[in-house]
N, C-alpha and C. Protein backbone atom coordinates (compact mmCIF):
# COMPACT_ATOMS: atom_id res chain seq x y z
N MET A 1 81.52 64.96 131.34
CA MET A 1 81.38 64.41 130.01
C MET A 1 82.58 63.52 129.71
N LYS A 2 82.27 62.30 129.27
CA LYS A 2 83.34 61.35 128.95
C LYS A 2 83.51 61.30 127.43
N PHE A 3 84.75 61.45 127.00
CA PHE A 3 85.05 61.41 125.58
C PHE A 3 85.52 60.01 125.18
N GLN A 4 85.08 59.57 124.00
CA GLN A 4 85.54 58.30 123.46
C GLN A 4 86.72 58.56 122.54
N SER A 5 87.59 57.57 122.47
CA SER A 5 88.70 57.68 121.52
C SER A 5 88.13 57.57 120.10
N LEU A 6 88.86 58.09 119.14
CA LEU A 6 88.45 58.00 117.75
C LEU A 6 88.31 56.54 117.33
N ASP A 7 89.21 55.70 117.81
CA ASP A 7 89.15 54.26 117.51
C ASP A 7 87.83 53.67 117.98
N ASP A 8 87.41 54.00 119.20
CA ASP A 8 86.15 53.49 119.74
C ASP A 8 84.95 54.01 118.95
N VAL A 9 85.00 55.28 118.57
CA VAL A 9 83.91 55.88 117.80
C VAL A 9 83.78 55.17 116.45
N LEU A 10 84.91 54.93 115.78
CA LEU A 10 84.88 54.26 114.48
C LEU A 10 84.40 52.82 114.60
N LYS A 11 84.85 52.11 115.62
CA LYS A 11 84.39 50.73 115.83
C LYS A 11 82.88 50.69 116.04
N ASN A 12 82.37 51.61 116.85
CA ASN A 12 80.92 51.66 117.08
C ASN A 12 80.16 52.00 115.81
N LEU A 13 80.69 52.92 115.02
CA LEU A 13 80.05 53.31 113.77
C LEU A 13 79.98 52.12 112.80
N VAL A 14 81.09 51.42 112.66
CA VAL A 14 81.15 50.25 111.77
C VAL A 14 80.15 49.20 112.23
N LYS A 15 80.10 48.97 113.53
CA LYS A 15 79.17 47.98 114.08
C LYS A 15 77.72 48.40 113.85
N ASN A 16 77.42 49.67 114.11
CA ASN A 16 76.05 50.16 113.95
C ASN A 16 75.61 50.18 112.49
N LEU A 17 76.53 50.40 111.57
CA LEU A 17 76.20 50.38 110.14
C LEU A 17 76.06 48.96 109.60
N GLY A 18 76.51 47.98 110.38
CA GLY A 18 76.41 46.59 109.96
C GLY A 18 77.39 46.20 108.88
N ILE A 19 78.54 46.87 108.86
CA ILE A 19 79.53 46.58 107.81
C ILE A 19 80.81 45.95 108.36
N GLU A 20 80.77 45.53 109.59
CA GLU A 20 81.95 44.94 110.22
C GLU A 20 82.43 43.70 109.47
N ALA A 21 81.50 42.82 109.11
CA ALA A 21 81.87 41.58 108.41
C ALA A 21 82.51 41.87 107.06
N GLN A 22 81.94 42.83 106.32
CA GLN A 22 82.49 43.18 105.01
C GLN A 22 83.89 43.77 105.13
N LEU A 23 84.09 44.59 106.13
CA LEU A 23 85.43 45.17 106.33
C LEU A 23 86.44 44.10 106.69
N LEU A 24 86.05 43.17 107.53
CA LEU A 24 86.95 42.08 107.90
C LEU A 24 87.24 41.20 106.69
N GLU A 25 86.22 40.93 105.88
CA GLU A 25 86.45 40.14 104.67
C GLU A 25 87.44 40.84 103.74
N ASN A 26 87.31 42.14 103.59
CA ASN A 26 88.21 42.89 102.71
C ASN A 26 89.65 42.87 103.20
N GLU A 27 89.83 42.67 104.49
CA GLU A 27 91.20 42.56 105.00
C GLU A 27 91.93 41.36 104.39
N ALA A 28 91.19 40.32 104.03
CA ALA A 28 91.81 39.16 103.38
C ALA A 28 92.44 39.59 102.05
N LEU A 29 91.76 40.46 101.32
CA LEU A 29 92.30 40.96 100.06
C LEU A 29 93.54 41.81 100.31
N VAL A 30 93.46 42.64 101.32
CA VAL A 30 94.57 43.54 101.65
C VAL A 30 95.82 42.76 102.07
N HIS A 31 95.62 41.70 102.84
CA HIS A 31 96.76 40.95 103.39
C HIS A 31 97.25 39.81 102.50
N TRP A 32 96.59 39.56 101.39
CA TRP A 32 96.95 38.43 100.52
C TRP A 32 98.45 38.41 100.21
N SER A 33 98.97 39.50 99.68
CA SER A 33 100.39 39.55 99.26
C SER A 33 101.35 39.28 100.42
N THR A 34 101.04 39.84 101.56
CA THR A 34 101.89 39.65 102.73
C THR A 34 101.90 38.20 103.18
N VAL A 35 100.72 37.59 103.21
CA VAL A 35 100.59 36.22 103.70
C VAL A 35 101.23 35.20 102.75
N VAL A 36 101.02 35.36 101.45
CA VAL A 36 101.53 34.36 100.51
C VAL A 36 102.96 34.64 100.06
N GLY A 37 103.44 35.85 100.26
CA GLY A 37 104.81 36.19 99.86
C GLY A 37 104.87 36.73 98.43
N PRO A 38 105.98 37.38 98.10
CA PRO A 38 106.07 38.08 96.81
C PRO A 38 106.01 37.17 95.58
N LYS A 39 106.60 35.99 95.65
CA LYS A 39 106.62 35.10 94.49
C LYS A 39 105.21 34.63 94.14
N VAL A 40 104.46 34.18 95.14
CA VAL A 40 103.10 33.72 94.91
C VAL A 40 102.21 34.91 94.53
N ALA A 41 102.39 36.04 95.21
CA ALA A 41 101.59 37.23 94.92
C ALA A 41 101.78 37.71 93.49
N LYS A 42 102.96 37.53 92.96
CA LYS A 42 103.25 37.95 91.59
C LYS A 42 102.47 37.09 90.58
N ASN A 43 102.15 35.87 90.95
CA ASN A 43 101.51 34.92 90.04
C ASN A 43 100.05 34.61 90.37
N THR A 44 99.52 35.30 91.35
CA THR A 44 98.13 35.12 91.76
C THR A 44 97.52 36.46 92.11
N LYS A 45 96.20 36.50 92.18
CA LYS A 45 95.53 37.73 92.60
C LYS A 45 94.25 37.38 93.35
N ALA A 46 94.16 37.86 94.57
CA ALA A 46 92.93 37.72 95.34
C ALA A 46 91.95 38.74 94.78
N GLU A 47 90.90 38.26 94.14
CA GLU A 47 90.00 39.16 93.42
C GLU A 47 88.81 39.65 94.23
N LYS A 48 88.19 38.74 95.00
CA LYS A 48 87.05 39.14 95.81
C LYS A 48 86.83 38.11 96.90
N ILE A 49 86.01 38.49 97.86
CA ILE A 49 85.63 37.56 98.92
C ILE A 49 84.14 37.74 99.17
N LYS A 50 83.46 36.61 99.28
CA LYS A 50 82.02 36.65 99.52
C LYS A 50 81.65 35.46 100.40
N ASN A 51 80.96 35.76 101.48
CA ASN A 51 80.49 34.72 102.41
C ASN A 51 81.62 33.78 102.85
N GLY A 52 82.78 34.35 103.14
CA GLY A 52 83.91 33.56 103.63
C GLY A 52 84.68 32.81 102.56
N ARG A 53 84.29 32.98 101.31
CA ARG A 53 84.97 32.32 100.20
C ARG A 53 85.83 33.34 99.45
N LEU A 54 87.13 33.13 99.50
CA LEU A 54 88.08 34.02 98.84
C LEU A 54 88.35 33.50 97.43
N PHE A 55 88.08 34.32 96.43
CA PHE A 55 88.27 33.95 95.03
C PHE A 55 89.63 34.46 94.56
N VAL A 56 90.48 33.53 94.13
CA VAL A 56 91.85 33.87 93.75
C VAL A 56 92.11 33.40 92.32
N LYS A 57 92.61 34.31 91.52
CA LYS A 57 92.97 33.99 90.13
C LYS A 57 94.45 33.61 90.10
N ALA A 58 94.74 32.47 89.51
CA ALA A 58 96.12 31.99 89.38
C ALA A 58 96.56 32.16 87.93
N LYS A 59 97.84 32.44 87.76
CA LYS A 59 98.41 32.70 86.44
C LYS A 59 98.29 31.50 85.49
N ASN A 60 98.47 30.29 86.03
CA ASN A 60 98.41 29.08 85.20
C ASN A 60 98.14 27.87 86.10
N ASP A 61 98.10 26.69 85.48
CA ASP A 61 97.79 25.46 86.23
C ASP A 61 98.83 25.12 87.29
N VAL A 62 100.07 25.47 87.05
CA VAL A 62 101.13 25.22 88.04
C VAL A 62 100.82 25.98 89.33
N TRP A 63 100.43 27.25 89.18
CA TRP A 63 100.12 28.06 90.37
C TRP A 63 98.80 27.63 91.00
N LYS A 64 97.87 27.13 90.21
CA LYS A 64 96.63 26.60 90.77
C LYS A 64 96.95 25.42 91.69
N ASN A 65 97.81 24.53 91.21
CA ASN A 65 98.20 23.37 92.02
C ASN A 65 98.94 23.81 93.28
N GLU A 66 99.81 24.79 93.15
CA GLU A 66 100.56 25.31 94.30
C GLU A 66 99.59 25.84 95.36
N LEU A 67 98.61 26.60 94.93
CA LEU A 67 97.62 27.14 95.87
C LEU A 67 96.80 26.04 96.52
N MET A 68 96.42 25.04 95.74
CA MET A 68 95.66 23.92 96.30
C MET A 68 96.46 23.22 97.40
N PHE A 69 97.74 23.04 97.17
CA PHE A 69 98.61 22.36 98.12
C PHE A 69 98.70 23.12 99.45
N TYR A 70 98.76 24.45 99.37
CA TYR A 70 98.95 25.28 100.57
C TYR A 70 97.67 25.97 101.05
N LYS A 71 96.54 25.59 100.49
CA LYS A 71 95.27 26.27 100.77
C LYS A 71 94.95 26.37 102.27
N ALA A 72 95.00 25.27 102.97
CA ALA A 72 94.66 25.28 104.40
C ALA A 72 95.61 26.18 105.19
N ASP A 73 96.89 26.13 104.85
CA ASP A 73 97.89 26.97 105.52
C ASP A 73 97.63 28.46 105.24
N ILE A 74 97.29 28.78 104.00
CA ILE A 74 97.02 30.17 103.63
C ILE A 74 95.78 30.68 104.37
N ILE A 75 94.73 29.86 104.41
CA ILE A 75 93.51 30.24 105.13
C ILE A 75 93.82 30.53 106.59
N ASN A 76 94.58 29.64 107.21
CA ASN A 76 94.96 29.82 108.61
C ASN A 76 95.74 31.11 108.82
N LYS A 77 96.72 31.37 107.97
CA LYS A 77 97.54 32.58 108.11
C LYS A 77 96.72 33.85 107.89
N LEU A 78 95.82 33.82 106.91
CA LEU A 78 94.96 34.99 106.67
C LEU A 78 94.09 35.26 107.89
N ASN A 79 93.49 34.22 108.44
CA ASN A 79 92.62 34.41 109.60
C ASN A 79 93.38 34.90 110.82
N ILE A 80 94.61 34.45 110.99
CA ILE A 80 95.44 34.95 112.08
C ILE A 80 95.72 36.43 111.87
N LYS A 81 96.06 36.81 110.65
CA LYS A 81 96.36 38.21 110.32
C LYS A 81 95.14 39.09 110.54
N ILE A 82 93.96 38.59 110.16
CA ILE A 82 92.72 39.35 110.33
C ILE A 82 92.29 39.39 111.80
N GLY A 83 92.58 38.31 112.52
CA GLY A 83 92.22 38.25 113.93
C GLY A 83 90.90 37.55 114.20
N LYS A 84 90.26 37.07 113.14
CA LYS A 84 89.00 36.34 113.27
C LYS A 84 88.93 35.31 112.15
N PRO A 85 88.18 34.23 112.35
CA PRO A 85 88.07 33.18 111.31
C PRO A 85 87.12 33.62 110.18
N ILE A 86 87.57 34.53 109.35
CA ILE A 86 86.75 35.11 108.29
C ILE A 86 86.81 34.27 107.01
N VAL A 87 88.01 33.85 106.62
CA VAL A 87 88.18 33.09 105.38
C VAL A 87 87.91 31.62 105.67
N GLN A 88 86.90 31.07 105.02
CA GLN A 88 86.53 29.67 105.21
C GLN A 88 87.05 28.77 104.10
N ASP A 89 87.20 29.35 102.90
CA ASP A 89 87.63 28.57 101.76
C ASP A 89 88.29 29.48 100.73
N ILE A 90 89.12 28.89 99.89
CA ILE A 90 89.73 29.62 98.78
C ILE A 90 89.28 28.92 97.50
N ILE A 91 88.67 29.70 96.63
CA ILE A 91 88.22 29.21 95.34
C ILE A 91 89.26 29.68 94.32
N ILE A 92 89.90 28.73 93.66
CA ILE A 92 90.99 29.06 92.74
C ILE A 92 90.45 29.09 91.32
N LEU A 93 90.63 30.21 90.69
CA LEU A 93 90.13 30.44 89.33
C LEU A 93 91.23 30.27 88.30
């Protein structure tokens, strides 16, 4: 009898339940603060992600502009952190 590691069992369970994409998308929310840094994280909030679109609330117009300027870089860093190209766009609210 061959035993699987707990990691392998969980990966198979997630795949079989069809929730792998949702879990990966949620990692974008989890890693937001780390990727953007404390100053930006204090003035923004990643609220939800749906179909590769990350919805972020900014404190004011200054922070909206800041996010727009660094949007491509943030998307790239989030996808590197997640390990897959999950975040396709950032919608700034």
